[in-house]
Protein backbone atom coordinates (compact mmCIF):
# COMPACT_ATOMS: atom_id res chain seq x y z
CA UNK A 1 84.82 116.16 71.79
CA UNK A 2 82.85 119.33 72.54
CA UNK A 3 80.67 119.65 75.56
CA UNK A 4 80.55 123.39 75.36
CA UNK A 5 77.20 124.80 76.64
CA UNK A 6 76.23 121.75 78.68
CA UNK A 7 75.84 122.10 82.41
CA UNK A 8 77.42 120.02 85.20
CA UNK A 9 76.55 120.13 88.87
CA UNK A 10 79.60 119.79 91.17
CA UNK A 11 78.89 118.79 94.69
CA UNK A 12 81.19 120.86 96.98
CA UNK A 13 82.47 124.34 96.58
CA UNK A 14 85.35 123.96 99.02
CA UNK A 15 88.91 125.18 98.24
CA UNK A 16 89.99 121.80 96.96
CA UNK A 17 87.07 121.64 94.58
CA UNK A 18 88.02 124.98 92.94
CA UNK A 19 90.50 123.48 90.43
CA UNK A 20 87.80 120.92 89.32
CA UNK A 21 85.27 123.77 88.90
CA UNK A 22 87.85 125.71 86.97
CA UNK A 23 88.58 122.80 84.68
CA UNK A 24 84.89 122.42 83.95
CA UNK A 25 84.70 126.18 83.04
CA UNK A 26 87.70 125.75 80.79
CA UNK A 27 85.93 123.04 78.93
CA UNK A 28 83.17 125.49 78.10
CA UNK A 29 80.67 124.04 80.52
CA UNK A 30 78.10 125.96 82.64
CA UNK A 31 78.81 124.97 86.21
CA UNK A 32 76.37 124.68 89.08
CA UNK A 33 77.93 124.23 92.56
CA UNK A 34 76.27 123.05 95.65
CA UNK A 35 77.67 123.59 99.14
CA UNK A 36 76.20 124.25 102.57
CA UNK A 37 78.61 127.20 103.10
CA UNK A 38 77.11 130.26 101.36
CA UNK A 39 80.63 131.78 101.24
CA UNK A 40 82.25 128.67 99.73
CA UNK A 41 85.09 129.73 97.36
CA UNK A 42 83.72 127.54 94.59
CA UNK A 43 80.70 129.76 94.33
CA UNK A 44 82.87 132.50 92.94
CA UNK A 45 83.33 130.49 89.76
CA UNK A 46 79.78 129.10 89.57
CA UNK A 47 77.14 129.97 87.08
CA UNK A 48 74.48 128.61 89.45
CA UNK A 49 74.61 128.28 93.22
CA UNK A 50 72.80 125.74 95.25
CA UNK A 51 73.12 126.20 99.03
CA UNK A 52 72.74 122.82 100.58
CA UNK A 53 74.95 120.65 102.70
CA UNK A 54 76.94 118.20 100.70
CA UNK A 55 75.63 115.63 103.23
CA UNK A 56 71.93 116.38 102.46
CA UNK A 57 71.02 114.19 99.43
CA UNK A 58 67.39 114.99 99.47
CA UNK A 59 67.68 118.78 99.70
CA UNK A 60 70.46 118.90 97.15
CA UNK A 61 68.31 116.70 94.78
CA UNK A 62 65.35 119.04 95.35
CA UNK A 63 67.36 122.14 94.52
CA UNK A 64 68.91 120.49 91.52
CA UNK A 65 65.46 119.50 90.29
CA UNK A 66 64.29 123.05 90.60
CA UNK A 67 67.36 124.37 88.74
CA UNK A 68 67.12 121.68 86.00
CA UNK A 69 63.49 122.75 85.28
CA UNK A 70 64.80 126.09 84.34
CA UNK A 71 68.19 125.26 83.00
CA UNK A 72 68.95 121.67 82.06
CA UNK A 73 71.63 119.86 84.15
CA UNK A 74 73.52 117.28 82.12
CA UNK A 75 75.77 115.65 84.69
CA UNK A 76 76.62 115.56 88.36
CA UNK A 77 79.77 114.67 90.31
CA UNK A 78 81.62 115.23 93.69
CA UNK A 79 84.92 116.99 93.93
CA UNK A 80 87.11 116.50 97.07
CA UNK A 81 83.97 115.59 99.03
CA UNK A 82 83.11 111.98 100.03
CA UNK A 83 79.40 112.27 99.32
CA UNK A 84 78.45 109.50 96.83
CA UNK A 85 74.88 109.24 98.18
CA UNK A 86 74.26 112.91 97.40
CA UNK A 87 75.61 112.42 93.84
CA UNK A 88 73.40 109.36 93.42
CA UNK A 89 70.27 111.17 94.72
CA UNK A 90 70.75 113.99 92.21
CA UNK A 91 71.50 111.56 89.35
CA UNK A 92 68.43 109.53 90.19
CA UNK A 93 66.21 112.56 90.48
CA UNK A 94 67.29 113.97 87.10
CA UNK A 95 68.01 110.75 85.25
CA UNK A 96 71.68 111.44 84.84
CA UNK A 97 74.66 109.21 84.36
CA UNK A 98 75.87 107.78 87.62
CA UNK A 99 77.73 104.92 89.31
CA UNK A 100 74.45 104.16 90.94
CA UNK A 101 72.75 104.25 94.36
CA UNK A 102 73.84 100.76 95.27
CA UNK A 103 77.53 101.56 94.76
CA UNK A 104 77.13 104.81 96.64
CA UNK A 105 75.54 103.07 99.56
CA UNK A 106 78.25 100.36 99.66
CA UNK A 107 81.26 102.66 99.61
CA UNK A 108 79.65 104.84 102.24
CA UNK A 109 79.81 101.91 104.76
CA UNK A 110 83.31 100.57 105.07
CA UNK A 111 82.12 97.35 106.67
CA UNK A 112 79.54 96.70 103.94
CA UNK A 113 82.25 97.57 101.36
CA UNK A 114 84.53 94.85 102.79
CA UNK A 115 81.72 92.33 102.86
CA UNK A 116 80.96 92.96 99.17
CA UNK A 117 84.72 92.84 98.30
CA UNK A 118 85.13 89.54 100.16
CA UNK A 119 82.19 87.96 98.30
CA UNK A 120 83.63 89.02 94.98
CA UNK A 121 87.22 87.92 95.55
CA UNK A 122 88.83 91.29 95.95
CA UNK A 123 92.03 90.94 97.99
CA UNK A 124 91.37 92.59 101.35
CA UNK A 125 92.73 92.28 104.96
CA UNK A 126 90.91 90.34 107.62
CA UNK A 127 88.12 92.52 109.07
CA UNK A 128 85.23 92.44 111.51
CA UNK A 129 82.91 94.66 113.58
CA UNK A 130 84.05 95.60 117.10
CA UNK A 131 81.33 95.51 119.71
CA UNK A 132 83.21 97.01 122.63
CA UNK A 133 86.53 97.62 124.24
CA UNK A 134 86.39 94.18 125.77
CA UNK A 135 85.73 92.66 122.32
CA UNK A 136 88.71 94.63 120.93
CA UNK A 137 90.84 93.03 123.65
CA UNK A 138 89.89 89.58 122.43
CA UNK A 139 90.66 90.46 118.82
CA UNK A 140 94.09 91.78 119.79
CA UNK A 141 95.00 88.40 121.28
CA UNK A 142 95.20 87.03 117.68
CA UNK A 143 95.66 90.01 115.39
CA UNK A 144 97.59 93.24 114.85
CA UNK A 145 94.75 95.62 113.89
CA UNK A 146 93.73 99.15 113.00
CA UNK A 147 90.25 100.28 114.01
CA UNK A 148 88.03 102.81 112.26
CA UNK A 149 84.40 104.12 112.20
CA UNK A 150 82.58 102.35 109.45
CA UNK A 151 81.18 105.67 108.18
CA UNK A 152 83.62 108.54 108.61
CA UNK A 153 86.39 110.03 106.45
CA UNK A 154 89.65 112.04 106.55
CA UNK A 155 91.26 109.45 108.89
CA UNK A 156 88.93 110.55 111.75
CA UNK A 157 88.87 107.86 114.41
CA UNK A 158 91.41 105.63 112.64
CA UNK A 159 93.65 104.18 115.34
CA UNK A 160 96.37 101.57 115.11
CA UNK A 161 96.02 99.50 118.27
CA UNK A 162 99.62 98.70 119.06
CA UNK A 163 100.92 97.35 122.44
CA UNK A 164 100.52 100.04 125.08
CA UNK A 165 97.33 101.53 123.48
CA UNK A 166 94.31 101.04 125.82
CA UNK A 167 91.70 99.05 123.87
CA UNK A 168 88.83 100.66 125.84
CA UNK A 169 90.03 104.12 125.03
CA UNK A 170 90.72 103.25 121.38
CA UNK A 171 87.17 101.85 120.90
CA UNK A 172 85.58 104.81 122.62
CA UNK A 173 87.67 107.37 120.58
CA UNK A 174 86.87 105.63 117.26
CA UNK A 175 83.22 105.36 118.10
CA UNK A 176 82.90 109.13 118.56
CA UNK A 177 83.35 109.59 114.80
CA UNK A 178 80.77 107.09 113.66
CA UNK A 179 77.33 108.57 112.90
CA UNK A 180 75.86 105.04 112.92
CA UNK A 181 77.64 103.99 116.11
CA UNK A 182 79.77 101.25 114.53
CA UNK A 183 83.41 100.46 114.71
CA UNK A 184 85.33 97.90 112.64
CA UNK A 185 88.80 96.35 112.92
CA UNK A 186 91.00 95.23 110.12
CA UNK A 187 94.37 93.53 110.02
CA UNK A 188 97.32 95.86 109.71
CA UNK A 189 98.94 94.82 106.43
CA UNK A 190 102.68 95.60 106.24
CA UNK A 191 103.88 96.96 102.95
CA UNK A 192 104.08 100.11 100.79
CA UNK A 193 100.95 102.13 100.76
CA UNK A 194 99.71 103.40 97.40
CA UNK A 195 97.08 106.04 96.51
CA UNK A 196 95.44 105.33 93.17
CA UNK A 197 93.13 107.13 90.83
CA UNK A 198 91.53 104.94 88.09
CA UNK A 199 89.39 105.43 85.10
CA UNK A 200 86.79 102.82 84.40
CA UNK A 201 85.19 102.48 80.96
CA UNK A 202 83.59 99.83 78.83
CA UNK A 203 87.10 99.28 77.39
CA UNK A 204 88.61 98.41 80.79
CA UNK A 205 90.43 99.95 83.77
CA UNK A 206 93.42 102.29 83.59
CA UNK A 207 95.26 103.90 86.54
CA UNK A 208 97.15 107.02 85.63
CA UNK A 209 97.46 108.16 89.29
CA UNK A 210 99.83 106.15 91.44
CA UNK A 211 101.51 107.76 94.49
CA UNK A 212 103.70 106.21 97.25
CA UNK A 213 101.90 107.46 100.41
CA UNK A 214 104.32 108.99 103.00
CA UNK A 215 103.92 107.77 106.54
CA UNK A 216 107.28 109.06 107.97
CA UNK A 217 105.42 110.41 110.99
CA UNK A 218 103.58 107.24 111.87
CA UNK A 219 105.28 107.03 115.22
CA UNK A 220 105.08 110.72 115.89
CA UNK A 221 101.31 110.78 115.68
CA UNK A 222 100.70 107.24 116.93
CA UNK A 223 98.27 105.75 117.55
CA UNK A 224 96.46 107.85 114.99
CA UNK A 225 97.31 107.13 111.39
CA UNK A 226 98.25 110.33 109.73
CA UNK A 227 99.63 110.57 106.12
CA UNK A 228 102.13 113.24 105.12
CA UNK A 229 101.54 113.55 101.39
CA UNK A 230 103.25 111.29 98.83
CA UNK A 231 105.56 110.88 95.97
CA UNK A 232 104.78 110.33 92.26
CA UNK A 233 105.42 108.27 90.32
CA UNK A 234 105.05 105.31 92.68
CA UNK A 235 108.06 103.05 92.57
CA UNK A 236 106.20 100.05 90.96
CA UNK A 237 107.13 97.47 88.44
CA UNK A 238 105.16 97.06 85.29
CA UNK A 239 103.71 93.81 86.76
CA UNK A 240 102.66 95.55 89.93
CA UNK A 241 100.97 98.28 87.96
CA UNK A 242 99.06 95.68 85.92
CA UNK A 243 98.18 93.88 89.17
CA UNK A 244 96.69 97.14 90.57
CA UNK A 245 94.60 97.63 87.41
CA UNK A 246 93.39 93.98 87.72
CA UNK A 247 92.36 94.57 91.38
CA UNK A 248 90.55 97.82 90.60
CA UNK A 249 88.76 96.05 87.83
CA UNK A 250 87.60 93.47 90.33
CA UNK A 251 86.43 96.37 92.64
CA UNK A 252 84.56 97.96 89.81
CA UNK A 253 82.87 94.56 88.98
CA UNK A 254 81.85 94.07 92.64
CA UNK A 255 80.24 97.49 92.66
CA UNK A 256 78.65 97.07 89.18
CA UNK A 257 80.57 100.14 87.98
CA UNK A 258 80.94 100.24 84.20
CA UNK A 259 81.96 103.87 83.76
CA UNK A 260 83.41 106.42 86.22
CA UNK A 261 86.42 106.95 88.37
CA UNK A 262 87.60 105.04 91.49
CA UNK A 263 89.99 106.31 94.17
CA UNK A 264 91.80 103.60 95.95
CA UNK A 265 93.95 103.09 99.13
CA UNK A 266 96.09 100.02 98.47
CA UNK A 267 98.92 98.23 100.29
CA UNK A 268 101.42 96.18 98.32
CA UNK A 269 101.37 93.02 100.51
CA UNK A 270 103.66 90.05 100.17
CA UNK A 271 101.13 88.43 97.70
CA UNK A 272 100.30 91.60 95.77
CA UNK A 273 97.93 94.48 96.02
CA UNK A 274 95.56 94.52 98.98
CA UNK A 275 92.54 96.88 98.95
CA UNK A 276 92.08 98.94 102.21
CA UNK A 277 89.16 101.00 100.84
CA UNK A 278 87.92 102.94 97.79
CA UNK A 279 85.80 105.94 96.96
CA UNK A 280 83.86 106.86 93.85
CA UNK A 281 84.67 110.50 93.69
CA UNK A 282 87.59 112.79 92.84
CA UNK A 283 90.15 112.82 95.63
CA UNK A 284 91.02 115.80 97.76
CA UNK A 285 94.45 117.02 98.54
CA UNK A 286 95.04 118.15 94.98
CA UNK A 287 95.94 114.62 93.92
CA UNK A 288 93.65 114.50 90.97
CA UNK A 289 93.90 118.15 89.89
CA UNK A 290 97.61 118.82 90.43
CA UNK A 291 99.95 115.98 91.28
CA UNK A 292 98.72 113.51 88.69
CA UNK A 293 98.88 115.92 85.69
CA UNK A 294 102.25 117.34 86.90
CA UNK A 295 103.67 113.80 87.07
CA UNK A 296 102.02 112.28 84.01
CA UNK A 297 100.55 114.88 81.74
CA UNK A 298 97.22 113.08 82.07
CA UNK A 299 94.19 115.31 82.52
CA UNK A 300 92.43 113.02 84.93
CA UNK A 301 89.80 115.67 85.93
CA UNK A 302 88.74 116.17 82.35
CA UNK A 303 88.12 112.45 82.01
CA UNK A 304 86.09 112.41 85.19
CA UNK A 305 83.95 115.27 84.00
CA UNK A 306 83.30 113.73 80.65
CA UNK A 307 82.34 110.45 82.27
CA UNK A 308 79.96 112.29 84.58
CA UNK A 309 78.29 113.87 81.49
CA UNK A 310 77.83 110.44 79.92
CA UNK A 311 80.34 111.12 77.14
CA UNK A 312 82.30 108.20 75.64
CA UNK A 313 86.00 108.65 76.09
CA UNK A 314 89.06 106.89 74.68
CA UNK A 315 90.88 105.56 77.71
CA UNK A 316 94.17 105.74 75.84
CA UNK A 317 93.97 109.51 75.69
CA UNK A 318 94.41 109.65 79.45
CA UNK A 319 97.44 107.35 79.75
CA UNK A 320 100.60 108.98 81.09
CA UNK A 321 102.44 110.96 78.49
CA UNK A 322 105.64 111.37 80.54
CA UNK A 323 107.00 110.68 84.00
CA UNK A 324 108.15 113.47 86.25
CA UNK A 325 108.75 113.22 89.95
CA UNK A 326 106.31 115.17 92.14
CA UNK A 327 106.38 115.43 95.94
CA UNK A 328 103.59 116.60 98.28
CA UNK A 329 104.01 117.32 101.98
CA UNK A 330 101.89 118.82 104.78
CA UNK A 331 102.56 121.25 107.67
CA UNK A 332 102.07 119.96 111.17
CA UNK A 333 102.32 122.51 113.97
CA UNK A 334 102.29 121.50 117.59
CA UNK A 335 99.05 122.02 119.60
CA UNK A 336 98.48 125.53 120.88
CA UNK A 337 97.64 129.02 119.62
CA UNK A 338 99.19 130.39 116.45
CA UNK A 339 101.27 133.44 117.34
CA UNK A 340 102.98 134.14 114.08
CA UNK A 341 102.70 132.99 110.41
CA UNK A 342 105.15 133.99 107.75
CA UNK A 343 105.05 132.60 104.20
CA UNK A 344 107.79 134.28 102.13
CA UNK A 345 107.58 134.58 98.43
CA UNK A 346 109.68 131.72 97.12
CA UNK A 347 110.95 131.86 93.58
CA UNK A 348 111.59 128.32 92.41
CA UNK A 349 110.29 126.94 89.20
CA UNK A 350 109.95 123.46 90.87
CA UNK A 351 107.76 124.79 93.66
CA UNK A 352 104.32 124.21 92.07
CA UNK A 353 101.96 125.05 94.90
CA UNK A 354 102.11 126.24 98.54
CA UNK A 355 99.13 126.70 100.85
CA UNK A 356 99.05 127.66 104.64
CA UNK A 357 95.66 127.25 106.10
CA UNK A 358 96.23 128.78 109.51
CA UNK A 359 96.60 132.44 110.73
CA UNK A 360 97.55 134.19 113.86
CA UNK A 361 95.16 133.47 116.71
CA UNK A 362 93.97 130.13 115.36
CA UNK A 363 93.84 127.17 117.68
CA UNK A 364 95.87 124.04 116.76
CA UNK A 365 94.54 120.84 118.10
CA UNK A 366 96.35 117.57 118.58
CA UNK A 367 96.99 115.84 115.22
CA UNK A 368 94.36 113.11 115.13
CA UNK A 369 93.09 113.29 111.53
CA UNK A 370 93.88 114.76 108.16
CA UNK A 371 91.73 117.90 108.54
CA UNK A 372 94.14 118.98 111.38
CA UNK A 373 96.94 119.64 108.96
CA UNK A 374 97.92 123.29 108.67
CA UNK A 375 99.07 123.60 105.10
CA UNK A 376 100.72 121.85 102.17
CA UNK A 377 103.15 122.21 99.30
CA UNK A 378 103.76 120.46 96.02
CA UNK A 379 107.11 120.36 94.25
CA UNK A 380 108.43 118.65 91.19
CA UNK A 381 111.80 117.57 89.79
CA UNK A 382 113.64 115.35 87.33
CA UNK A 383 114.13 112.88 90.09
CA UNK A 384 112.39 112.01 93.32
CA UNK A 385 115.41 113.24 95.28
CA UNK A 386 115.34 116.58 93.49
CA UNK A 387 111.65 117.08 94.23
CA UNK A 388 112.15 116.16 97.81
CA UNK A 389 115.08 118.55 98.23
CA UNK A 390 113.03 121.43 96.78
CA UNK A 391 110.29 120.51 99.22
CA UNK A 392 112.62 120.63 102.22
CA UNK A 393 113.98 124.07 101.21
CA UNK A 394 110.43 125.48 100.67
CA UNK A 395 109.06 124.17 104.05
CA UNK A 396 112.13 125.40 105.92
CA UNK A 397 111.22 128.94 104.93
CA UNK A 398 107.68 128.78 106.23
CA UNK A 399 107.38 130.06 109.83
CA UNK A 400 104.48 128.91 111.92
CA UNK A 401 104.95 129.66 115.53
CA UNK A 402 102.68 128.25 118.26
CA UNK A 403 102.43 129.07 121.88
CA UNK A 404 103.54 127.31 123.97
CA UNK A 405 105.19 125.12 121.25
CA UNK A 406 106.92 126.17 118.02
CA UNK A 407 107.25 124.34 114.75
CA UNK A 408 107.99 124.99 111.11
């Protein structure tokens, strides 16, 4: 189908949004980009620029309304930015296709999300609000839990409260990251953790993006819960894949989503998939733009753009066309001041991407959330072992020296 000449507004012009903006341009679309940073890299590709924070729904909607009066906007979406309420505000102001204000409000509040899921039979862990450090102590007498702000992102304030972790400190630390001043606890579910990206249409749910999340540094960064990339395809049976589709379908029903995309964090528990949380946006970390198409050949970003424009798509066109192993890992310097960074040119056909975010003189803080990571790489291979070996070789050649500590 041709959408050439139509215009889409993409909320966020950050570096991880650039591939999504580029895909929209490749489809022949005019692209408006909104971001609070006037120097956002996504603006370099944009036909229209709206300077407004991604967390300012009203201002973004006002600027979008002004632009649409001069140049019609046909769709709106977020890319690598967890701002569903901003997307919903623009869609409502302009009468555009959207997953809706109610769904946006629900997924922006992790406690409300779990309440809705519980009422609709979505498999989830035990959960509850935490009123204080003393209250957390009581909870810990009966449960092994992780606590988190109800309204933050990027693993900020997510703490696994294991023996030896002070509940008073954990509650206070998590609370710092909640704009609404609320912290919740949920049972820690043992099992393999899976990142998912699903397409939802009137014809059903299909999940082309399935990655085994890598938590090899869970103890190193404890009590904070920091992911170190992942591996595609996830090692799942056909029955497990079908079970994930079924669970995401239940999520979509609970949010009254009939068309769109859903990003999921899922644990494969002893009785099947358990939903930790979901988002109704394209994921960051190059998952949707790079690792999914490299592993499956499915153009997930194209599907998301078409759905945002209100176009009808054939879900079968976005099923995996092949299965290739893809590995993603991050760079974790020790805290200190960067004294030296060297990123040599590496000629390897299986090294698909490498990014180092830090430079000499930058301050490295303690690793407490995903934004603290200093770089990343993506590799591929015929097997998972091959992709991981290429990753190890590539990362071993990157030099990031920190004073007083040093790491690679």
